[in-house]
Structures are given as structure tokens and as C-alpha cells.
């Protein structure tokens, strides 16, 4: 009722059309506030998801770089030992 009125019952519509209009204002007000809260919440959630995705992408790229570095080091070790990939120790 607070969304549809200015006071707490001290001023009320007396005609049938006034009551219909008052009911419409109450329903529209509650619906409007609900949609407004949902939209603002959705914006915050989407922003958080975008930040999380950016962090995951950065972490994935760092992991890929680390794996490439490890593979290069392993290849250098195998080369220095005279081993070929897939061949076990002599």
C-alpha cells in the first residue's frame, strides 16, 4: 500500500473509478519496483561474471605459457641427455 499512496489512509479515493485507478497504481508501482530491482541486480551479476571470465582467461593463458615453458625445458633436458621423445632410458 505504501507504494501506491502518499499517506497512510488519511486521503483515499471515494469513487469507484478512483479506487480502480488506485488499484492500478498500486499494481503498476509494485511491478515497476520489482523490474527495477531485477534489472539492477542483473547488471551487477553480469558485471561480476565478466570479471570472473576475464580472470579465468588470464589464468588459462598463464597456465598455457607455463606448460609451454615446461615442455621447452624438458626438450632441452632430453636433448642434453641424448634422448629422443618417447624413447626411454638406455
PDB file of N, CA and C in Angstrom:
ATOM      1  N   UNK A   1       0.817  -1.196   0.000  1.00  0.00           N
ATOM      2  CA  UNK A   1       0.000   0.000   0.000  1.00  0.00           C
ATOM      3  C   UNK A   1       0.862   1.262   0.000  1.00  0.00           C
ATOM      4  N   UNK A   2       2.008   1.211   0.619  1.00  0.00           N
ATOM      5  CA  UNK A   2       2.849   2.398   0.697  1.00  0.00           C
ATOM      6  C   UNK A   2       3.302   2.842  -0.683  1.00  0.00           C
ATOM      7  N   UNK A   3       3.536   1.875  -1.598  1.00  0.00           N
ATOM      8  CA  UNK A   3       3.958   2.242  -2.945  1.00  0.00           C
ATOM      9  C   UNK A   3       2.852   2.955  -3.726  1.00  0.00           C
ATOM     10  N   UNK A   4       1.626   2.671  -3.389  1.00  0.00           N
ATOM     11  CA  UNK A   4       0.522   3.249  -4.148  1.00  0.00           C
ATOM     12  C   UNK A   4      -0.084   4.487  -3.535  1.00  0.00           C
ATOM     13  N   UNK A   5       0.351   4.859  -2.370  1.00  0.00           N
ATOM     14  CA  UNK A   5      -0.253   6.015  -1.694  1.00  0.00           C
ATOM     15  C   UNK A   5       0.816   6.970  -1.216  1.00  0.00           C
ATOM     16  N   UNK A   6       0.386   8.163  -0.873  1.00  0.00           N
ATOM     17  CA  UNK A   6       1.292   9.160  -0.328  1.00  0.00           C
ATOM     18  C   UNK A   6       1.256   9.109   1.196  1.00  0.00           C
ATOM     19  N   UNK A   7       0.127   8.740   1.739  1.00  0.00           N
ATOM     20  CA  UNK A   7      -0.023   8.713   3.195  1.00  0.00           C
ATOM     21  C   UNK A   7      -0.435   7.334   3.668  1.00  0.00           C
ATOM     22  N   UNK A   8      -1.041   7.294   4.821  1.00  0.00           N
ATOM     23  CA  UNK A   8      -1.455   6.030   5.425  1.00  0.00           C
ATOM     24  C   UNK A   8      -2.960   6.002   5.639  1.00  0.00           C
ATOM     25  N   UNK A   9      -3.706   6.313   4.594  1.00  0.00           N
ATOM     26  CA  UNK A   9      -5.159   6.222   4.671  1.00  0.00           C
ATOM     27  C   UNK A   9      -5.864   7.511   5.008  1.00  0.00           C
ATOM     28  N   UNK A  10      -5.140   8.593   5.196  1.00  0.00           N
ATOM     29  CA  UNK A  10      -5.805   9.855   5.517  1.00  0.00           C
ATOM     30  C   UNK A  10      -6.464  10.456   4.282  1.00  0.00           C
ATOM     31  N   UNK A  11      -5.933  10.157   3.078  1.00  0.00           N
ATOM     32  CA  UNK A  11      -6.550  10.588   1.830  1.00  0.00           C
ATOM     33  C   UNK A  11      -6.777   9.339   0.994  1.00  0.00           C
ATOM     34  N   UNK A  12      -8.039   9.025   0.707  1.00  0.00           N
ATOM     35  CA  UNK A  12      -8.374   7.824  -0.055  1.00  0.00           C
ATOM     36  C   UNK A  12      -9.357   8.198  -1.159  1.00  0.00           C
ATOM     37  N   UNK A  13      -9.350   7.424  -2.263  1.00  0.00           N
ATOM     38  CA  UNK A  13     -10.336   7.683  -3.308  1.00  0.00           C
ATOM     39  C   UNK A  13     -11.725   7.217  -2.842  1.00  0.00           C
ATOM     40  N   UNK A  14     -12.749   8.006  -3.186  1.00  0.00           N
ATOM     41  CA  UNK A  14     -14.112   7.673  -2.754  1.00  0.00           C
ATOM     42  C   UNK A  14     -14.954   7.108  -3.879  1.00  0.00           C
ATOM     43  N   UNK A  15     -14.590   7.378  -5.118  1.00  0.00           N
ATOM     44  CA  UNK A  15     -15.402   6.886  -6.238  1.00  0.00           C
ATOM     45  C   UNK A  15     -14.871   5.528  -6.701  1.00  0.00           C
ATOM     46  N   UNK A  16     -15.721   4.822  -7.458  1.00  0.00           N
ATOM     47  CA  UNK A  16     -15.331   3.504  -7.975  1.00  0.00           C
ATOM     48  C   UNK A  16     -14.149   3.641  -8.936  1.00  0.00           C
ATOM     49  N   UNK A  17     -14.194   4.647  -9.814  1.00  0.00           N
ATOM     50  CA  UNK A  17     -13.094   4.845 -10.761  1.00  0.00           C
ATOM     51  C   UNK A  17     -11.800   5.253 -10.046  1.00  0.00           C
ATOM     52  N   UNK A  18     -11.944   6.001  -9.009  1.00  0.00           N
ATOM     53  CA  UNK A  18     -10.772   6.380  -8.227  1.00  0.00           C
ATOM     54  C   UNK A  18     -10.123   5.174  -7.560  1.00  0.00           C
ATOM     55  N   UNK A  19     -10.961   4.264  -7.066  1.00  0.00           N
ATOM     56  CA  UNK A  19     -10.435   3.045  -6.455  1.00  0.00           C
ATOM     57  C   UNK A  19      -9.794   2.126  -7.487  1.00  0.00           C
ATOM     58  N   UNK A  20     -10.386   2.068  -8.690  1.00  0.00           N
ATOM     59  CA  UNK A  20      -9.798   1.268  -9.771  1.00  0.00           C
ATOM     60  C   UNK A  20      -8.442   1.854 -10.153  1.00  0.00           C
ATOM     61  N   UNK A  21      -8.403   3.170 -10.320  1.00  0.00           N
ATOM     62  CA  UNK A  21      -7.145   3.823 -10.654  1.00  0.00           C
ATOM     63  C   UNK A  21      -6.115   3.623  -9.531  1.00  0.00           C
ATOM     64  N   UNK A  22      -6.537   3.717  -8.293  1.00  0.00           N
ATOM     65  CA  UNK A  22      -5.638   3.490  -7.160  1.00  0.00           C
ATOM     66  C   UNK A  22      -5.096   2.059  -7.157  1.00  0.00           C
ATOM     67  N   UNK A  23      -5.953   1.096  -7.444  1.00  0.00           N
ATOM     68  CA  UNK A  23      -5.507  -0.302  -7.530  1.00  0.00           C
ATOM     69  C   UNK A  23      -4.504  -0.492  -8.653  1.00  0.00           C
ATOM     70  N   UNK A  24      -4.767   0.161  -9.804  1.00  0.00           N
ATOM     71  CA  UNK A  24      -3.843   0.079 -10.934  1.00  0.00           C
ATOM     72  C   UNK A  24      -2.487   0.686 -10.568  1.00  0.00           C
ATOM     73  N   UNK A  25      -2.512   1.810  -9.877  1.00  0.00           N
ATOM     74  CA  UNK A  25      -1.270   2.464  -9.470  1.00  0.00           C
ATOM     75  C   UNK A  25      -0.480   1.564  -8.511  1.00  0.00           C
ATOM     76  N   UNK A  26      -1.187   0.905  -7.603  1.00  0.00           N
ATOM     77  CA  UNK A  26      -0.505   0.011  -6.658  1.00  0.00           C
ATOM     78  C   UNK A  26       0.144  -1.155  -7.407  1.00  0.00           C
ATOM     79  N   UNK A  27      -0.611  -1.811  -8.306  1.00  0.00           N
ATOM     80  CA  UNK A  27      -0.069  -2.948  -9.056  1.00  0.00           C
ATOM     81  C   UNK A  27       1.086  -2.493  -9.946  1.00  0.00           C
ATOM     82  N   UNK A  28       0.894  -1.376 -10.637  1.00  0.00           N
ATOM     83  CA  UNK A  28       1.950  -0.863 -11.505  1.00  0.00           C
ATOM     84  C   UNK A  28       3.184  -0.482 -10.693  1.00  0.00           C
ATOM     85  N   UNK A  29       3.000   0.120  -9.537  1.00  0.00           N
ATOM     86  CA  UNK A  29       4.129   0.527  -8.696  1.00  0.00           C
ATOM     87  C   UNK A  29       4.937  -0.656  -8.204  1.00  0.00           C
ATOM     88  N   UNK A  30       4.258  -1.693  -7.732  1.00  0.00           N
ATOM     89  CA  UNK A  30       4.955  -2.885  -7.248  1.00  0.00           C
ATOM     90  C   UNK A  30       5.689  -3.563  -8.403  1.00  0.00           C
ATOM     91  N   UNK A  31       5.022  -3.655  -9.566  1.00  0.00           N
ATOM     92  CA  UNK A  31       5.650  -4.276 -10.735  1.00  0.00           C
ATOM     93  C   UNK A  31       6.862  -3.475 -11.190  1.00  0.00           C
ATOM     94  N   UNK A  32       6.739  -2.166 -11.215  1.00  0.00           N
ATOM     95  CA  UNK A  32       7.838  -1.306 -11.639  1.00  0.00           C
ATOM     96  C   UNK A  32       9.041  -1.458 -10.709  1.00  0.00           C
ATOM     97  N   UNK A  33       8.798  -1.425  -9.417  1.00  0.00           N
ATOM     98  CA  UNK A  33       9.884  -1.569  -8.453  1.00  0.00           C
ATOM     99  C   UNK A  33      10.535  -2.949  -8.585  1.00  0.00           C
ATOM    100  N   UNK A  34       9.719  -3.990  -8.800  1.00  0.00           N
ATOM    101  CA  UNK A  34      10.264  -5.339  -8.957  1.00  0.00           C
ATOM    102  C   UNK A  34      11.171  -5.425 -10.174  1.00  0.00           C
ATOM    103  N   UNK A  35      10.705  -4.877 -11.314  1.00  0.00           N
ATOM    104  CA  UNK A  35      11.531  -4.892 -12.523  1.00  0.00           C
ATOM    105  C   UNK A  35      12.794  -4.058 -12.341  1.00  0.00           C
ATOM    106  N   UNK A  36      12.684  -2.938 -11.689  1.00  0.00           N
ATOM    107  CA  UNK A  36      13.844  -2.084 -11.451  1.00  0.00           C
ATOM    108  C   UNK A  36      14.902  -2.811 -10.620  1.00  0.00           C
ATOM    109  N   UNK A  37      14.469  -3.464  -9.550  1.00  0.00           N
ATOM    110  CA  UNK A  37      15.394  -4.220  -8.709  1.00  0.00           C
ATOM    111  C   UNK A  37      16.012  -5.375  -9.499  1.00  0.00           C
ATOM    112  N   UNK A  38      15.209  -6.066 -10.317  1.00  0.00           N
ATOM    113  CA  UNK A  38      15.718  -7.183 -11.115  1.00  0.00           C
ATOM    114  C   UNK A  38      16.747  -6.710 -12.136  1.00  0.00           C
ATOM    115  N   UNK A  39      16.506  -5.582 -12.771  1.00  0.00           N
ATOM    116  CA  UNK A  39      17.439  -5.062 -13.775  1.00  0.00           C
ATOM    117  C   UNK A  39      18.757  -4.651 -13.132  1.00  0.00           C
ATOM    118  N   UNK A  40      18.685  -3.943 -12.021  1.00  0.00           N
ATOM    119  CA  UNK A  40      19.908  -3.508 -11.339  1.00  0.00           C
ATOM    120  C   UNK A  40      20.692  -4.725 -10.847  1.00  0.00           C
ATOM    121  N   UNK A  41      20.000  -5.702 -10.280  1.00  0.00           N
ATOM    122  CA  UNK A  41      20.663  -6.924  -9.817  1.00  0.00           C
ATOM    123  C   UNK A  41      21.317  -7.654 -10.978  1.00  0.00           C
ATOM    124  N   UNK A  42      20.621  -7.736 -12.100  1.00  0.00           N
ATOM    125  CA  UNK A  42      21.163  -8.400 -13.284  1.00  0.00           C
ATOM    126  C   UNK A  42      22.427  -7.705 -13.778  1.00  0.00           C
ATOM    127  N   UNK A  43      22.452  -6.390 -13.738  1.00  0.00           N
ATOM    128  CA  UNK A  43      23.648  -5.659 -14.148  1.00  0.00           C
ATOM    129  C   UNK A  43      24.841  -5.986 -13.252  1.00  0.00           C
ATOM    130  N   UNK A  44      24.601  -6.061 -11.944  1.00  0.00           N
ATOM    131  CA  UNK A  44      25.680  -6.406 -11.021  1.00  0.00           C
ATOM    132  C   UNK A  44      26.171  -7.829 -11.260  1.00  0.00           C
ATOM    133  N   UNK A  45      25.244  -8.757 -11.460  1.00  0.00           N
ATOM    134  CA  UNK A  45      25.620 -10.154 -11.675  1.00  0.00           C
ATOM    135  C   UNK A  45      26.402 -10.301 -12.973  1.00  0.00           C
ATOM    136  N   UNK A  46      25.928  -9.661 -14.051  1.00  0.00           N
ATOM    137  CA  UNK A  46      26.632  -9.738 -15.334  1.00  0.00           C
ATOM    138  C   UNK A  46      28.023  -9.131 -15.236  1.00  0.00           C
ATOM    139  N   UNK A  47      28.155  -8.037 -14.504  1.00  0.00           N
ATOM    140  CA  UNK A  47      29.463  -7.421 -14.314  1.00  0.00           C
ATOM    141  C   UNK A  47      30.394  -8.362 -13.574  1.00  0.00           C
ATOM    142  N   UNK A  48      29.894  -9.016 -12.553  1.00  0.00           N
ATOM    143  CA  UNK A  48      30.699  -9.976 -11.807  1.00  0.00           C
ATOM    144  C   UNK A  48      31.112 -11.157 -12.658  1.00  0.00           C
ATOM    145  N   UNK A  49      30.189 -11.631 -13.510  1.00  0.00           N
ATOM    146  CA  UNK A  49      30.516 -12.751 -14.397  1.00  0.00           C
ATOM    147  C   UNK A  49      31.588 -12.359 -15.397  1.00  0.00           C
ATOM    148  N   UNK A  50      31.510 -11.156 -15.935  1.00  0.00           N
ATOM    149  CA  UNK A  50      32.505 -10.705 -16.905  1.00  0.00           C
ATOM    150  C   UNK A  50      33.884 -10.621 -16.241  1.00  0.00           C
ATOM    151  N   UNK A  51      33.930 -10.117 -15.019  1.00  0.00           N
ATOM    152  CA  UNK A  51      35.201 -10.035 -14.301  1.00  0.00           C
ATOM    153  C   UNK A  51      35.750 -11.428 -14.009  1.00  0.00           C
ATOM    154  N   UNK A  52      34.868 -12.360 -13.632  1.00  0.00           N
ATOM    155  CA  UNK A  52      35.301 -13.728 -13.366  1.00  0.00           C
ATOM    156  C   UNK A  52      35.841 -14.377 -14.634  1.00  0.00           C
ATOM    157  N   UNK A  53      35.161 -14.147 -15.763  1.00  0.00           N
ATOM    158  CA  UNK A  53      35.603 -14.731 -17.033  1.00  0.00           C
ATOM    159  C   UNK A  53      36.956 -14.159 -17.440  1.00  0.00           C
ATOM    160  N   UNK A  54      37.154 -12.861 -17.253  1.00  0.00           N
ATOM    161  CA  UNK A  54      38.449 -12.248 -17.569  1.00  0.00           C
ATOM    162  C   UNK A  54      39.555 -12.860 -16.716  1.00  0.00           C
ATOM    163  N   UNK A  55      39.270 -13.079 -15.441  1.00  0.00           N
ATOM    164  CA  UNK A  55      40.265 -13.672 -14.544  1.00  0.00           C
ATOM    165  C   UNK A  55      40.577 -15.106 -14.973  1.00  0.00           C
ATOM    166  N   UNK A  56      39.533 -15.877 -15.351  1.00  0.00           N
ATOM    167  CA  UNK A  56      39.766 -17.249 -15.810  1.00  0.00           C
ATOM    168  C   UNK A  56      40.570 -17.268 -17.098  1.00  0.00           C
ATOM    169  N   UNK A  57      40.282 -16.343 -18.018  1.00  0.00           N
ATOM    170  CA  UNK A  57      41.040 -16.274 -19.264  1.00  0.00           C
ATOM    171  C   UNK A  57      42.508 -15.956 -19.002  1.00  0.00           C
ATOM    172  N   UNK A  58      42.765 -15.006 -18.120  1.00  0.00           N
ATOM    173  CA  UNK A  58      44.142 -14.645 -17.787  1.00  0.00           C
ATOM    174  C   UNK A  58      44.857 -15.825 -17.130  1.00  0.00           C
ATOM    175  N   UNK A  59      44.171 -16.528 -16.244  1.00  0.00           N
ATOM    176  CA  UNK A  59      44.769 -17.679 -15.583  1.00  0.00           C
ATOM    177  C   UNK A  59      45.042 -18.792 -16.599  1.00  0.00           C
ATOM    178  N   UNK A  60      44.124 -18.997 -17.540  1.00  0.00           N
ATOM    179  CA  UNK A  60      44.316 -20.011 -18.577  1.00  0.00           C
ATOM    180  C   UNK A  60      45.532 -19.680 -19.435  1.00  0.00           C
ATOM    181  N   UNK A  61      45.676 -18.428 -19.809  1.00  0.00           N
ATOM    182  CA  UNK A  61      46.828 -18.024 -20.621  1.00  0.00           C
ATOM    183  C   UNK A  61      48.132 -18.210 -19.852  1.00  0.00           C
ATOM    184  N   UNK A  62      48.129 -17.890 -18.566  1.00  0.00           N
ATOM    185  CA  UNK A  62      49.330 -18.073 -17.746  1.00  0.00           C
ATOM    186  C   UNK A  62      49.674 -19.555 -17.626  1.00  0.00           C
ATOM    187  N   UNK A  63      48.662 -20.398 -17.464  1.00  0.00           N
ATOM    188  CA  UNK A  63      48.890 -21.840 -17.379  1.00  0.00           C
ATOM    189  C   UNK A  63      49.451 -22.378 -18.685  1.00  0.00           C
ATOM    190  N   UNK A  64      48.889 -21.921 -19.811  1.00  0.00           N
ATOM    191  CA  UNK A  64      49.393 -22.361 -21.111  1.00  0.00           C
ATOM    192  C   UNK A  64      50.847 -21.945 -21.304  1.00  0.00           C
ATOM    193  N   UNK A  65      51.194 -20.739 -20.901  1.00  0.00           N
ATOM    194  CA  UNK A  65      52.577 -20.270 -21.021  1.00  0.00           C
ATOM    195  C   UNK A  65      53.503 -21.107 -20.145  1.00  0.00           C
ATOM    196  N   UNK A  66      53.067 -21.431 -18.943  1.00  0.00           N
ATOM    197  CA  UNK A  66      53.864 -22.254 -18.044  1.00  0.00           C
ATOM    198  C   UNK A  66      54.081 -23.649 -18.635  1.00  0.00           C
ATOM    199  N   UNK A  67      53.028 -24.223 -19.213  1.00  0.00           N
ATOM    200  CA  UNK A  67      53.154 -25.548 -19.826  1.00  0.00           C
ATOM    201  C   UNK A  67      54.102 -25.530 -21.025  1.00  0.00           C
ATOM    202  N   UNK A  68      54.046 -24.467 -21.821  1.00  0.00           N
ATOM    203  CA  UNK A  68      54.982 -24.349 -22.943  1.00  0.00           C
ATOM    204  C   UNK A  68      56.417 -24.245 -22.427  1.00  0.00           C
ATOM    205  N   UNK A  69      56.629 -23.499 -21.352  1.00  0.00           N
ATOM    206  CA  UNK A  69      57.960 -23.350 -20.767  1.00  0.00           C
ATOM    207  C   UNK A  69      58.469 -24.692 -20.241  1.00  0.00           C
ATOM    208  N   UNK A  70      57.593 -25.430 -19.566  1.00  0.00           N
ATOM    209  CA  UNK A  70      57.984 -26.748 -19.048  1.00  0.00           C
ATOM    210  C   UNK A  70      58.322 -27.694 -20.193  1.00  0.00           C
ATOM    211  N   UNK A  71      57.521 -27.680 -21.263  1.00  0.00           N
ATOM    212  CA  UNK A  71      57.788 -28.543 -22.418  1.00  0.00           C
ATOM    213  C   UNK A  71      59.124 -28.177 -23.059  1.00  0.00           C
ATOM    214  N   UNK A  72      59.437 -26.899 -23.163  1.00  0.00           N
ATOM    215  CA  UNK A  72      60.709 -26.477 -23.750  1.00  0.00           C
ATOM    216  C   UNK A  72      61.876 -26.915 -22.869  1.00  0.00           C
ATOM    217  N   UNK A  73      61.733 -26.776 -21.566  1.00  0.00           N
ATOM    218  CA  UNK A  73      62.798 -27.201 -20.656  1.00  0.00           C
ATOM    219  C   UNK A  73      63.007 -28.715 -20.724  1.00  0.00           C
ATOM    220  N   UNK A  74      61.907 -29.475 -20.800  1.00  0.00           N
ATOM    221  CA  UNK A  74      62.001 -30.919 -20.895  1.00  0.00           C
ATOM    222  C   UNK A  74      62.702 -31.323 -22.192  1.00  0.00           C
ATOM    223  N   UNK A  75      62.354 -30.652 -23.282  1.00  0.00           N
ATOM    224  CA  UNK A  75      63.009 -30.941 -24.558  1.00  0.00           C
ATOM    225  C   UNK A  75      64.510 -30.641 -24.471  1.00  0.00           C
ATOM    226  N   UNK A  76      64.880 -29.564 -23.818  1.00  0.00           N
ATOM    227  CA  UNK A  76      66.303 -29.224 -23.667  1.00  0.00           C
ATOM    228  C   UNK A  76      67.021 -30.265 -22.827  1.00  0.00           C
ATOM    229  N   UNK A  77      66.373 -30.740 -21.780  1.00  0.00           N
ATOM    230  CA  UNK A  77      66.985 -31.777 -20.941  1.00  0.00           C
ATOM    231  C   UNK A  77      67.161 -33.065 -21.741  1.00  0.00           C
ATOM    232  N   UNK A  78      66.123 -33.445 -22.490  1.00  0.00           N
ATOM    233  CA  UNK A  78      66.216 -34.665 -23.298  1.00  0.00           C
ATOM    234  C   UNK A  78      67.320 -34.539 -24.344  1.00  0.00           C
ATOM    235  N   UNK A  79      67.431 -33.374 -24.928  1.00  0.00           N
ATOM    236  CA  UNK A  79      68.478 -33.153 -25.930  1.00  0.00           C
ATOM    237  C   UNK A  79      69.862 -33.266 -25.292  1.00  0.00           C
ATOM    238  N   UNK A  80      70.012 -32.661 -24.123  1.00  0.00           N
ATOM    239  CA  UNK A  80      71.324 -32.710 -23.470  1.00  0.00           C
ATOM    240  C   UNK A  80      71.679 -34.119 -23.010  1.00  0.00           C
ATOM    241  N   UNK A  81      70.664 -34.943 -22.753  1.00  0.00           N
ATOM    242  CA  UNK A  81      70.916 -36.317 -22.350  1.00  0.00           C
ATOM    243  C   UNK A  81      71.032 -37.246 -23.557  1.00  0.00           C
ATOM    244  N   UNK A  82      70.757 -36.726 -24.747  1.00  0.00           N
ATOM    245  CA  UNK A  82      70.836 -37.538 -25.951  1.00  0.00           C
ATOM    246  C   UNK A  82      69.656 -38.463 -26.123  1.00  0.00           C
ATOM    247  N   UNK A  83      68.542 -38.082 -25.501  1.00  0.00           N
ATOM    248  CA  UNK A  83      67.330 -38.928 -25.596  1.00  0.00           C
ATOM    249  C   UNK A  83      66.387 -38.336 -26.635  1.00  0.00           C
ATOM    250  N   UNK A  84      65.668 -39.206 -27.283  1.00  0.00           N
ATOM    251  CA  UNK A  84      64.619 -38.713 -28.163  1.00  0.00           C
ATOM    252  C   UNK A  84      63.290 -38.877 -27.444  1.00  0.00           C
ATOM    253  N   UNK A  85      62.301 -38.102 -27.825  1.00  0.00           N
ATOM    254  CA  UNK A  85      60.995 -38.182 -27.150  1.00  0.00           C
ATOM    255  C   UNK A  85      60.392 -39.552 -27.340  1.00  0.00           C
ATOM    256  N   UNK A  86      59.862 -40.091 -26.290  1.00  0.00           N
ATOM    257  CA  UNK A  86      59.204 -41.377 -26.350  1.00  0.00           C
ATOM    258  C   UNK A  86      60.156 -42.539 -26.082  1.00  0.00           C
ATOM    259  N   UNK A  87      61.407 -42.307 -26.288  1.00  0.00           N
ATOM    260  CA  UNK A  87      62.370 -43.379 -26.021  1.00  0.00           C
ATOM    261  C   UNK A  87      62.744 -43.310 -24.549  1.00  0.00           C
ATOM    262  N   UNK A  88      62.725 -44.407 -23.914  1.00  0.00           N
ATOM    263  CA  UNK A  88      63.048 -44.468 -22.500  1.00  0.00           C
ATOM    264  C   UNK A  88      64.539 -44.421 -22.283  1.00  0.00           C
ATOM    265  N   UNK A  89      64.949 -44.590 -21.048  1.00  0.00           N
ATOM    266  CA  UNK A  89      66.377 -44.602 -20.747  1.00  0.00           C
ATOM    267  C   UNK A  89      67.036 -45.811 -21.420  1.00  0.00           C
ATOM    268  N   UNK A  90      68.319 -45.693 -21.750  1.00  0.00           N
ATOM    269  CA  UNK A  90      69.015 -46.806 -22.440  1.00  0.00           C
ATOM    270  C   UNK A  90      69.141 -48.037 -21.579  1.00  0.00           C
TER     271      UNK A  90
END
